[in-house]
Amino acid sequence: MQPTAIAYEPPELIGGDISVSSSKPEIVKEFCDIVKSGSASLPLIGAGIKTPEDVKKSVELGAEGILVASGVMKSKDFESEIEGLAAPLAEKKH
């Protein structure tokens, strides 16, 4: 299989208030390094990703994208929330 992307979300952090990028940065970096060294797939990070700072930290650790928390998708203005979260990803391309 050659998936476009592979996602990592520690089950204990899904739906919580703590982002994986801040609570387990070493695991995020290791996951991203493994995916990038062994495939052409993009590493995605999820679990507790709710702020642009969470995204920025994930990108700094090697992520190429994120999975958003259910709270983002259930918000009244989810499009605006997603745009805010995407800003650090756009900065990475420059």
PDB file of N, CA and C in Angstrom:
ATOM      1  N   MET A   1       0.834  -1.187   0.000  1.00  0.00           N
ATOM      2  CA  MET A   1       0.000   0.000   0.000  1.00  0.00           C
ATOM      3  C   MET A   1       0.877   1.248   0.000  1.00  0.00           C
ATOM      4  N   GLN A   2       0.396   2.259  -0.685  1.00  0.00           N
ATOM      5  CA  GLN A   2       1.101   3.533  -0.722  1.00  0.00           C
ATOM      6  C   GLN A   2       0.112   4.656  -0.428  1.00  0.00           C
ATOM      7  N   PRO A   3      -0.279   4.792   0.830  1.00  0.00           N
ATOM      8  CA  PRO A   3      -1.272   5.818   1.167  1.00  0.00           C
ATOM      9  C   PRO A   3      -0.711   7.227   0.980  1.00  0.00           C
ATOM     10  N   THR A   4      -1.582   8.148   0.661  1.00  0.00           N
ATOM     11  CA  THR A   4      -1.189   9.546   0.542  1.00  0.00           C
ATOM     12  C   THR A   4      -0.734  10.082   1.883  1.00  0.00           C
ATOM     13  N   ALA A   5      -1.415   9.682   2.945  1.00  0.00           N
ATOM     14  CA  ALA A   5      -1.086  10.163   4.286  1.00  0.00           C
ATOM     15  C   ALA A   5      -1.325   9.074   5.315  1.00  0.00           C
ATOM     16  N   ILE A   6      -0.609   9.206   6.433  1.00  0.00           N
ATOM     17  CA  ILE A   6      -0.772   8.307   7.568  1.00  0.00           C
ATOM     18  C   ILE A   6      -0.961   9.183   8.802  1.00  0.00           C
ATOM     19  N   ALA A   7      -2.011   8.906   9.560  1.00  0.00           N
ATOM     20  CA  ALA A   7      -2.329   9.734  10.724  1.00  0.00           C
ATOM     21  C   ALA A   7      -1.955   9.024  12.021  1.00  0.00           C
ATOM     22  N   TYR A   8      -1.580   9.833  13.004  1.00  0.00           N
ATOM     23  CA  TYR A   8      -1.277   9.329  14.339  1.00  0.00           C
ATOM     24  C   TYR A   8      -2.084  10.117  15.357  1.00  0.00           C
ATOM     25  N   GLU A   9      -2.825   9.386  16.201  1.00  0.00           N
ATOM     26  CA  GLU A   9      -3.595   9.973  17.294  1.00  0.00           C
ATOM     27  C   GLU A   9      -3.526   9.034  18.484  1.00  0.00           C
ATOM     28  N   PRO A  10      -2.838   9.424  19.552  1.00  0.00           N
ATOM     29  CA  PRO A  10      -2.843   8.559  20.732  1.00  0.00           C
ATOM     30  C   PRO A  10      -4.266   8.472  21.290  1.00  0.00           C
ATOM     31  N   PRO A  11      -4.803   7.278  21.456  1.00  0.00           N
ATOM     32  CA  PRO A  11      -6.196   7.124  21.880  1.00  0.00           C
ATOM     33  C   PRO A  11      -6.537   7.848  23.177  1.00  0.00           C
ATOM     34  N   GLU A  12      -5.588   7.890  24.103  1.00  0.00           N
ATOM     35  CA  GLU A  12      -5.870   8.514  25.392  1.00  0.00           C
ATOM     36  C   GLU A  12      -6.021  10.034  25.311  1.00  0.00           C
ATOM     37  N   LEU A  13      -5.610  10.637  24.193  1.00  0.00           N
ATOM     38  CA  LEU A  13      -5.727  12.093  24.037  1.00  0.00           C
ATOM     39  C   LEU A  13      -6.874  12.512  23.120  1.00  0.00           C
ATOM     40  N   ILE A  14      -7.489  11.562  22.442  1.00  0.00           N
ATOM     41  CA  ILE A  14      -8.601  11.885  21.542  1.00  0.00           C
ATOM     42  C   ILE A  14      -9.766  12.422  22.362  1.00  0.00           C
ATOM     43  N   GLY A  15     -10.285  13.563  21.940  1.00  0.00           N
ATOM     44  CA  GLY A  15     -11.423  14.171  22.615  1.00  0.00           C
ATOM     45  C   GLY A  15     -11.077  14.905  23.893  1.00  0.00           C
ATOM     46  N   GLY A  16      -9.793  15.031  24.169  1.00  0.00           N
ATOM     47  CA  GLY A  16      -9.373  15.707  25.396  1.00  0.00           C
ATOM     48  C   GLY A  16      -8.987  17.154  25.152  1.00  0.00           C
ATOM     49  N   ASP A  17      -8.469  17.771  26.198  1.00  0.00           N
ATOM     50  CA  ASP A  17      -8.076  19.176  26.129  1.00  0.00           C
ATOM     51  C   ASP A  17      -6.578  19.372  25.964  1.00  0.00           C
ATOM     52  N   ILE A  18      -5.834  18.290  25.916  1.00  0.00           N
ATOM     53  CA  ILE A  18      -4.381  18.377  25.800  1.00  0.00           C
ATOM     54  C   ILE A  18      -3.970  17.888  24.415  1.00  0.00           C
ATOM     55  N   SER A  19      -3.176  18.695  23.724  1.00  0.00           N
ATOM     56  CA  SER A  19      -2.765  18.286  22.381  1.00  0.00           C
ATOM     57  C   SER A  19      -1.582  17.332  22.448  1.00  0.00           C
ATOM     58  N   VAL A  20      -1.534  16.435  21.501  1.00  0.00           N
ATOM     59  CA  VAL A  20      -0.448  15.473  21.420  1.00  0.00           C
ATOM     60  C   VAL A  20       0.870  16.185  21.159  1.00  0.00           C
ATOM     61  N   SER A  21       0.839  17.287  20.430  1.00  0.00           N
ATOM     62  CA  SER A  21       2.082  17.988  20.110  1.00  0.00           C
ATOM     63  C   SER A  21       2.717  18.625  21.341  1.00  0.00           C
ATOM     64  N   SER A  22       1.918  18.975  22.333  1.00  0.00           N
ATOM     65  CA  SER A  22       2.488  19.551  23.552  1.00  0.00           C
ATOM     66  C   SER A  22       2.746  18.500  24.624  1.00  0.00           C
ATOM     67  N   SER A  23       1.944  17.452  24.682  1.00  0.00           N
ATOM     68  CA  SER A  23       2.116  16.463  25.744  1.00  0.00           C
ATOM     69  C   SER A  23       3.070  15.332  25.380  1.00  0.00           C
ATOM     70  N   LYS A  24       3.196  15.038  24.090  1.00  0.00           N
ATOM     71  CA  LYS A  24       4.058  13.935  23.664  1.00  0.00           C
ATOM     72  C   LYS A  24       4.873  14.324  22.429  1.00  0.00           C
ATOM     73  N   PRO A  25       5.617  15.425  22.492  1.00  0.00           N
ATOM     74  CA  PRO A  25       6.346  15.880  21.302  1.00  0.00           C
ATOM     75  C   PRO A  25       7.348  14.859  20.783  1.00  0.00           C
ATOM     76  N   GLU A  26       7.953  14.089  21.681  1.00  0.00           N
ATOM     77  CA  GLU A  26       8.943  13.112  21.237  1.00  0.00           C
ATOM     78  C   GLU A  26       8.299  12.019  20.387  1.00  0.00           C
ATOM     79  N   ILE A  27       7.074  11.634  20.711  1.00  0.00           N
ATOM     80  CA  ILE A  27       6.374  10.609  19.932  1.00  0.00           C
ATOM     81  C   ILE A  27       5.958  11.168  18.578  1.00  0.00           C
ATOM     82  N   VAL A  28       5.520  12.425  18.554  1.00  0.00           N
ATOM     83  CA  VAL A  28       5.140  13.065  17.287  1.00  0.00           C
ATOM     84  C   VAL A  28       6.347  13.111  16.359  1.00  0.00           C
ATOM     85  N   LYS A  29       7.488  13.553  16.879  1.00  0.00           N
ATOM     86  CA  LYS A  29       8.698  13.642  16.054  1.00  0.00           C
ATOM     87  C   LYS A  29       9.110  12.268  15.555  1.00  0.00           C
ATOM     88  N   GLU A  30       9.095  11.285  16.432  1.00  0.00           N
ATOM     89  CA  GLU A  30       9.480   9.929  16.032  1.00  0.00           C
ATOM     90  C   GLU A  30       8.550   9.397  14.942  1.00  0.00           C
ATOM     91  N   PHE A  31       7.246   9.585  15.118  1.00  0.00           N
ATOM     92  CA  PHE A  31       6.276   9.133  14.116  1.00  0.00           C
ATOM     93  C   PHE A  31       6.555   9.798  12.770  1.00  0.00           C
ATOM     94  N   CYS A  32       6.726  11.118  12.777  1.00  0.00           N
ATOM     95  CA  CYS A  32       6.955  11.849  11.527  1.00  0.00           C
ATOM     96  C   CYS A  32       8.248  11.406  10.854  1.00  0.00           C
ATOM     97  N   ASP A  33       9.298  11.214  11.641  1.00  0.00           N
ATOM     98  CA  ASP A  33      10.573  10.754  11.085  1.00  0.00           C
ATOM     99  C   ASP A  33      10.438   9.373  10.457  1.00  0.00           C
ATOM    100  N   ILE A  34       9.727   8.479  11.122  1.00  0.00           N
ATOM    101  CA  ILE A  34       9.540   7.117  10.594  1.00  0.00           C
ATOM    102  C   ILE A  34       8.768   7.158   9.280  1.00  0.00           C
ATOM    103  N   VAL A  35       7.669   7.904   9.248  1.00  0.00           N
ATOM    104  CA  VAL A  35       6.854   7.972   8.029  1.00  0.00           C
ATOM    105  C   VAL A  35       7.655   8.565   6.882  1.00  0.00           C
ATOM    106  N   LYS A  36       8.354   9.654   7.138  1.00  0.00           N
ATOM    107  CA  LYS A  36       9.112  10.331   6.080  1.00  0.00           C
ATOM    108  C   LYS A  36      10.299   9.511   5.589  1.00  0.00           C
ATOM    109  N   SER A  37      10.909   8.747   6.472  1.00  0.00           N
ATOM    110  CA  SER A  37      12.079   7.972   6.056  1.00  0.00           C
ATOM    111  C   SER A  37      11.702   6.677   5.347  1.00  0.00           C
ATOM    112  N   GLY A  38      10.491   6.184   5.597  1.00  0.00           N
ATOM    113  CA  GLY A  38      10.122   4.891   5.045  1.00  0.00           C
ATOM    114  C   GLY A  38       9.086   4.907   3.944  1.00  0.00           C
ATOM    115  N   SER A  39       8.626   6.108   3.568  1.00  0.00           N
ATOM    116  CA  SER A  39       7.580   6.160   2.551  1.00  0.00           C
ATOM    117  C   SER A  39       7.477   7.560   1.955  1.00  0.00           C
ATOM    118  N   ALA A  40       6.607   7.680   0.975  1.00  0.00           N
ATOM    119  CA  ALA A  40       6.307   8.993   0.392  1.00  0.00           C
ATOM    120  C   ALA A  40       5.023   9.558   0.998  1.00  0.00           C
ATOM    121  N   SER A  41       4.493   8.878   2.006  1.00  0.00           N
ATOM    122  CA  SER A  41       3.254   9.315   2.651  1.00  0.00           C
ATOM    123  C   SER A  41       3.500  10.555   3.513  1.00  0.00           C
ATOM    124  N   LEU A  42       2.445  11.338   3.689  1.00  0.00           N
ATOM    125  CA  LEU A  42       2.508  12.526   4.524  1.00  0.00           C
ATOM    126  C   LEU A  42       2.106  12.169   5.952  1.00  0.00           C
ATOM    127  N   PRO A  43       2.901  12.543   6.952  1.00  0.00           N
ATOM    128  CA  PRO A  43       2.502  12.285   8.333  1.00  0.00           C
ATOM    129  C   PRO A  43       1.505  13.337   8.819  1.00  0.00           C
ATOM    130  N   LEU A  44       0.382  12.888   9.349  1.00  0.00           N
ATOM    131  CA  LEU A  44      -0.646  13.764   9.913  1.00  0.00           C
ATOM    132  C   LEU A  44      -0.729  13.500  11.414  1.00  0.00           C
ATOM    133  N   ILE A  45      -0.990  14.560  12.174  1.00  0.00           N
ATOM    134  CA  ILE A  45      -1.051  14.447  13.628  1.00  0.00           C
ATOM    135  C   ILE A  45      -2.426  14.882  14.116  1.00  0.00           C
ATOM    136  N   GLY A  46      -2.972  14.147  15.055  1.00  0.00           N
ATOM    137  CA  GLY A  46      -4.257  14.499  15.628  1.00  0.00           C
ATOM    138  C   GLY A  46      -4.273  14.255  17.126  1.00  0.00           C
ATOM    139  N   ALA A  47      -5.383  14.484  17.740  1.00  0.00           N
ATOM    140  CA  ALA A  47      -5.659  14.315  19.174  1.00  0.00           C
ATOM    141  C   ALA A  47      -5.377  15.616  19.914  1.00  0.00           C
ATOM    142  N   GLY A  48      -6.431  16.319  20.204  1.00  0.00           N
ATOM    143  CA  GLY A  48      -6.328  17.546  20.980  1.00  0.00           C
ATOM    144  C   GLY A  48      -5.851  18.760  20.219  1.00  0.00           C
ATOM    145  N   ILE A  49      -5.766  18.673  18.912  1.00  0.00           N
ATOM    146  CA  ILE A  49      -5.299  19.803  18.104  1.00  0.00           C
ATOM    147  C   ILE A  49      -6.452  20.800  17.987  1.00  0.00           C
ATOM    148  N   LYS A  50      -6.324  21.923  18.694  1.00  0.00           N
ATOM    149  CA  LYS A  50      -7.421  22.894  18.740  1.00  0.00           C
ATOM    150  C   LYS A  50      -6.994  24.329  18.463  1.00  0.00           C
ATOM    151  N   THR A  51      -5.695  24.608  18.512  1.00  0.00           N
ATOM    152  CA  THR A  51      -5.232  25.991  18.348  1.00  0.00           C
ATOM    153  C   THR A  51      -4.154  26.070  17.274  1.00  0.00           C
ATOM    154  N   PRO A  52      -3.953  27.266  16.713  1.00  0.00           N
ATOM    155  CA  PRO A  52      -2.848  27.429  15.757  1.00  0.00           C
ATOM    156  C   PRO A  52      -1.495  27.070  16.376  1.00  0.00           C
ATOM    157  N   GLU A  53      -1.341  27.295  17.680  1.00  0.00           N
ATOM    158  CA  GLU A  53      -0.095  26.932  18.347  1.00  0.00           C
ATOM    159  C   GLU A  53       0.122  25.422  18.336  1.00  0.00           C
ATOM    160  N   ASP A  54      -0.969  24.651  18.510  1.00  0.00           N
ATOM    161  CA  ASP A  54      -0.867  23.190  18.425  1.00  0.00           C
ATOM    162  C   ASP A  54      -0.409  22.770  17.035  1.00  0.00           C
ATOM    163  N   VAL A  55      -0.951  23.415  16.018  1.00  0.00           N
ATOM    164  CA  VAL A  55      -0.580  23.098  14.636  1.00  0.00           C
ATOM    165  C   VAL A  55       0.872  23.472  14.390  1.00  0.00           C
ATOM    166  N   LYS A  56       1.256  24.673  14.815  1.00  0.00           N
ATOM    167  CA  LYS A  56       2.632  25.132  14.607  1.00  0.00           C
ATOM    168  C   LYS A  56       3.620  24.156  15.231  1.00  0.00           C
ATOM    169  N   LYS A  57       3.346  23.728  16.451  1.00  0.00           N
ATOM    170  CA  LYS A  57       4.232  22.773  17.133  1.00  0.00           C
ATOM    171  C   LYS A  57       4.287  21.451  16.370  1.00  0.00           C
ATOM    172  N   SER A  58       3.144  20.989  15.872  1.00  0.00           N
ATOM    173  CA  SER A  58       3.111  19.741  15.097  1.00  0.00           C
ATOM    174  C   SER A  58       3.959  19.856  13.837  1.00  0.00           C
ATOM    175  N   VAL A  59       3.861  20.986  13.158  1.00  0.00           N
ATOM    176  CA  VAL A  59       4.647  21.221  11.936  1.00  0.00           C
ATOM    177  C   VAL A  59       6.134  21.266  12.282  1.00  0.00           C
ATOM    178  N   GLU A  60       6.483  21.938  13.370  1.00  0.00           N
ATOM    179  CA  GLU A  60       7.885  22.005  13.791  1.00  0.00           C
ATOM    180  C   GLU A  60       8.445  20.613  14.079  1.00  0.00           C
ATOM    181  N   LEU A  61       7.585  19.709  14.522  1.00  0.00           N
ATOM    182  CA  LEU A  61       8.003  18.341  14.832  1.00  0.00           C
ATOM    183  C   LEU A  61       8.005  17.427  13.611  1.00  0.00           C
ATOM    184  N   GLY A  62       7.553  17.954  12.449  1.00  0.00           N
ATOM    185  CA  GLY A  62       7.628  17.182  11.214  1.00  0.00           C
ATOM    186  C   GLY A  62       6.318  16.849  10.545  1.00  0.00           C
ATOM    187  N   ALA A  63       5.190  17.207  11.144  1.00  0.00           N
ATOM    188  CA  ALA A  63       3.890  16.893  10.533  1.00  0.00           C
ATOM    189  C   ALA A  63       3.678  17.698   9.254  1.00  0.00           C
ATOM    190  N   GLU A  64       2.988  17.093   8.332  1.00  0.00           N
ATOM    191  CA  GLU A  64       2.631  17.751   7.074  1.00  0.00           C
ATOM    192  C   GLU A  64       1.166  18.160   7.055  1.00  0.00           C
ATOM    193  N   GLY A  65       0.441  17.816   8.101  1.00  0.00           N
ATOM    194  CA  GLY A  65      -0.974  18.162   8.212  1.00  0.00           C
ATOM    195  C   GLY A  65      -1.490  17.722   9.562  1.00  0.00           C
ATOM    196  N   ILE A  66      -2.731  18.084   9.839  1.00  0.00           N
ATOM    197  CA  ILE A  66      -3.319  17.764  11.138  1.00  0.00           C
ATOM    198  C   ILE A  66      -4.725  17.209  10.966  1.00  0.00           C
ATOM    199  N   LEU A  67      -5.194  16.570  12.009  1.00  0.00           N
ATOM    200  CA  LEU A  67      -6.584  16.143  12.110  1.00  0.00           C
ATOM    201  C   LEU A  67      -7.215  17.064  13.132  1.00  0.00           C
ATOM    202  N   VAL A  68      -8.363  17.629  12.827  1.00  0.00           N
ATOM    203  CA  VAL A  68      -8.957  18.581  13.762  1.00  0.00           C
ATOM    204  C   VAL A  68      -9.839  17.873  14.784  1.00  0.00           C
ATOM    205  N   ALA A  69      -9.929  18.489  15.937  1.00  0.00           N
ATOM    206  CA  ALA A  69     -10.751  17.962  17.021  1.00  0.00           C
ATOM    207  C   ALA A  69     -12.226  18.119  16.684  1.00  0.00           C
ATOM    208  N   SER A  70     -13.039  17.269  17.258  1.00  0.00           N
ATOM    209  CA  SER A  70     -14.481  17.323  16.996  1.00  0.00           C
ATOM    210  C   SER A  70     -15.065  18.667  17.414  1.00  0.00           C
ATOM    211  N   GLY A  71     -14.485  19.283  18.434  1.00  0.00           N
ATOM    212  CA  GLY A  71     -14.965  20.596  18.867  1.00  0.00           C
ATOM    213  C   GLY A  71     -14.839  21.641  17.775  1.00  0.00           C
ATOM    214  N   VAL A  72     -13.828  21.510  16.946  1.00  0.00           N
ATOM    215  CA  VAL A  72     -13.657  22.435  15.816  1.00  0.00           C
ATOM    216  C   VAL A  72     -14.780  22.216  14.810  1.00  0.00           C
ATOM    217  N   MET A  73     -15.013  20.973  14.466  1.00  0.00           N
ATOM    218  CA  MET A  73     -16.025  20.671  13.452  1.00  0.00           C
ATOM    219  C   MET A  73     -17.443  20.973  13.942  1.00  0.00           C
ATOM    220  N   LYS A  74     -17.670  20.921  15.232  1.00  0.00           N
ATOM    221  CA  LYS A  74     -19.006  21.175  15.778  1.00  0.00           C
ATOM    222  C   LYS A  74     -19.250  22.648  16.095  1.00  0.00           C
ATOM    223  N   SER A  75     -18.220  23.482  15.941  1.00  0.00           N
ATOM    224  CA  SER A  75     -18.394  24.902  16.251  1.00  0.00           C
ATOM    225  C   SER A  75     -19.299  25.562  15.214  1.00  0.00           C
ATOM    226  N   LYS A  76     -19.903  26.667  15.602  1.00  0.00           N
ATOM    227  CA  LYS A  76     -20.833  27.363  14.705  1.00  0.00           C
ATOM    228  C   LYS A  76     -20.123  27.925  13.485  1.00  0.00           C
ATOM    229  N   ASP A  77     -18.869  28.303  13.635  1.00  0.00           N
ATOM    230  CA  ASP A  77     -18.108  28.871  12.526  1.00  0.00           C
ATOM    231  C   ASP A  77     -16.877  28.009  12.248  1.00  0.00           C
ATOM    232  N   PHE A  78     -17.122  26.728  11.926  1.00  0.00           N
ATOM    233  CA  PHE A  78     -16.018  25.796  11.734  1.00  0.00           C
ATOM    234  C   PHE A  78     -15.089  26.208  10.601  1.00  0.00           C
ATOM    235  N   GLU A  79     -15.622  26.873   9.571  1.00  0.00           N
ATOM    236  CA  GLU A  79     -14.761  27.282   8.459  1.00  0.00           C
ATOM    237  C   GLU A  79     -13.703  28.277   8.930  1.00  0.00           C
ATOM    238  N   SER A  80     -14.100  29.225   9.742  1.00  0.00           N
ATOM    239  CA  SER A  80     -13.159  30.198  10.285  1.00  0.00           C
ATOM    240  C   SER A  80     -12.141  29.521  11.193  1.00  0.00           C
ATOM    241  N   GLU A  81     -12.596  28.591  11.990  1.00  0.00           N
ATOM    242  CA  GLU A  81     -11.696  27.850  12.884  1.00  0.00           C
ATOM    243  C   GLU A  81     -10.646  27.082  12.075  1.00  0.00           C
ATOM    244  N   ILE A  82     -11.089  26.427  11.013  1.00  0.00           N
ATOM    245  CA  ILE A  82     -10.165  25.657  10.180  1.00  0.00           C
ATOM    246  C   ILE A  82      -9.169  26.584   9.483  1.00  0.00           C
ATOM    247  N   GLU A  83      -9.635  27.729   9.010  1.00  0.00           N
ATOM    248  CA  GLU A  83      -8.721  28.694   8.387  1.00  0.00           C
ATOM    249  C   GLU A  83      -7.644  29.130   9.378  1.00  0.00           C
ATOM    250  N   GLY A  84      -8.029  29.380  10.618  1.00  0.00           N
ATOM    251  CA  GLY A  84      -7.058  29.763  11.636  1.00  0.00           C
ATOM    252  C   GLY A  84      -6.059  28.660  11.918  1.00  0.00           C
ATOM    253  N   LEU A  85      -6.536  27.436  11.952  1.00  0.00           N
ATOM    254  CA  LEU A  85      -5.650  26.302  12.191  1.00  0.00           C
ATOM    255  C   LEU A  85      -4.719  26.056  11.005  1.00  0.00           C
ATOM    256  N   ALA A  86      -5.169  26.373   9.808  1.00  0.00           N
ATOM    257  CA  ALA A  86      -4.375  26.133   8.603  1.00  0.00           C
ATOM    258  C   ALA A  86      -3.251  27.145   8.427  1.00  0.00           C
ATOM    259  N   ALA A  87      -3.320  28.288   9.092  1.00  0.00           N
ATOM    260  CA  ALA A  87      -2.314  29.334   8.914  1.00  0.00           C
ATOM    261  C   ALA A  87      -0.876  28.831   9.115  1.00  0.00           C
ATOM    262  N   PRO A  88      -0.568  28.082  10.176  1.00  0.00           N
ATOM    263  CA  PRO A  88       0.802  27.599  10.320  1.00  0.00           C
ATOM    264  C   PRO A  88       1.229  26.630   9.217  1.00  0.00           C
ATOM    265  N   LEU A  89       0.288  25.903   8.635  1.00  0.00           N
ATOM    266  CA  LEU A  89       0.618  25.011   7.524  1.00  0.00           C
ATOM    267  C   LEU A  89       0.990  25.826   6.297  1.00  0.00           C
ATOM    268  N   ALA A  90       0.272  26.930   6.063  1.00  0.00           N
ATOM    269  CA  ALA A  90       0.569  27.797   4.927  1.00  0.00           C
ATOM    270  C   ALA A  90       1.920  28.477   5.117  1.00  0.00           C
ATOM    271  N   GLU A  91       2.236  28.872   6.360  1.00  0.00           N
ATOM    272  CA  GLU A  91       3.527  29.497   6.643  1.00  0.00           C
ATOM    273  C   GLU A  91       4.681  28.551   6.327  1.00  0.00           C
ATOM    274  N   LYS A  92       4.476  27.259   6.542  1.00  0.00           N
ATOM    275  CA  LYS A  92       5.529  26.268   6.296  1.00  0.00           C
ATOM    276  C   LYS A  92       5.921  26.237   4.815  1.00  0.00           C
ATOM    277  N   LYS A  93       4.981  26.493   3.941  1.00  0.00           N
ATOM    278  CA  LYS A  93       5.240  26.422   2.504  1.00  0.00           C
ATOM    279  C   LYS A  93       6.056  27.601   2.005  1.00  0.00           C
ATOM    280  N   HIS A  94       6.145  28.661   2.793  1.00  0.00           N
ATOM    281  CA  HIS A  94       6.882  29.861   2.362  1.00  0.00           C
ATOM    282  C   HIS A  94       8.311  29.832   2.776  1.00  0.00           C
TER     283      HIS A  94
END
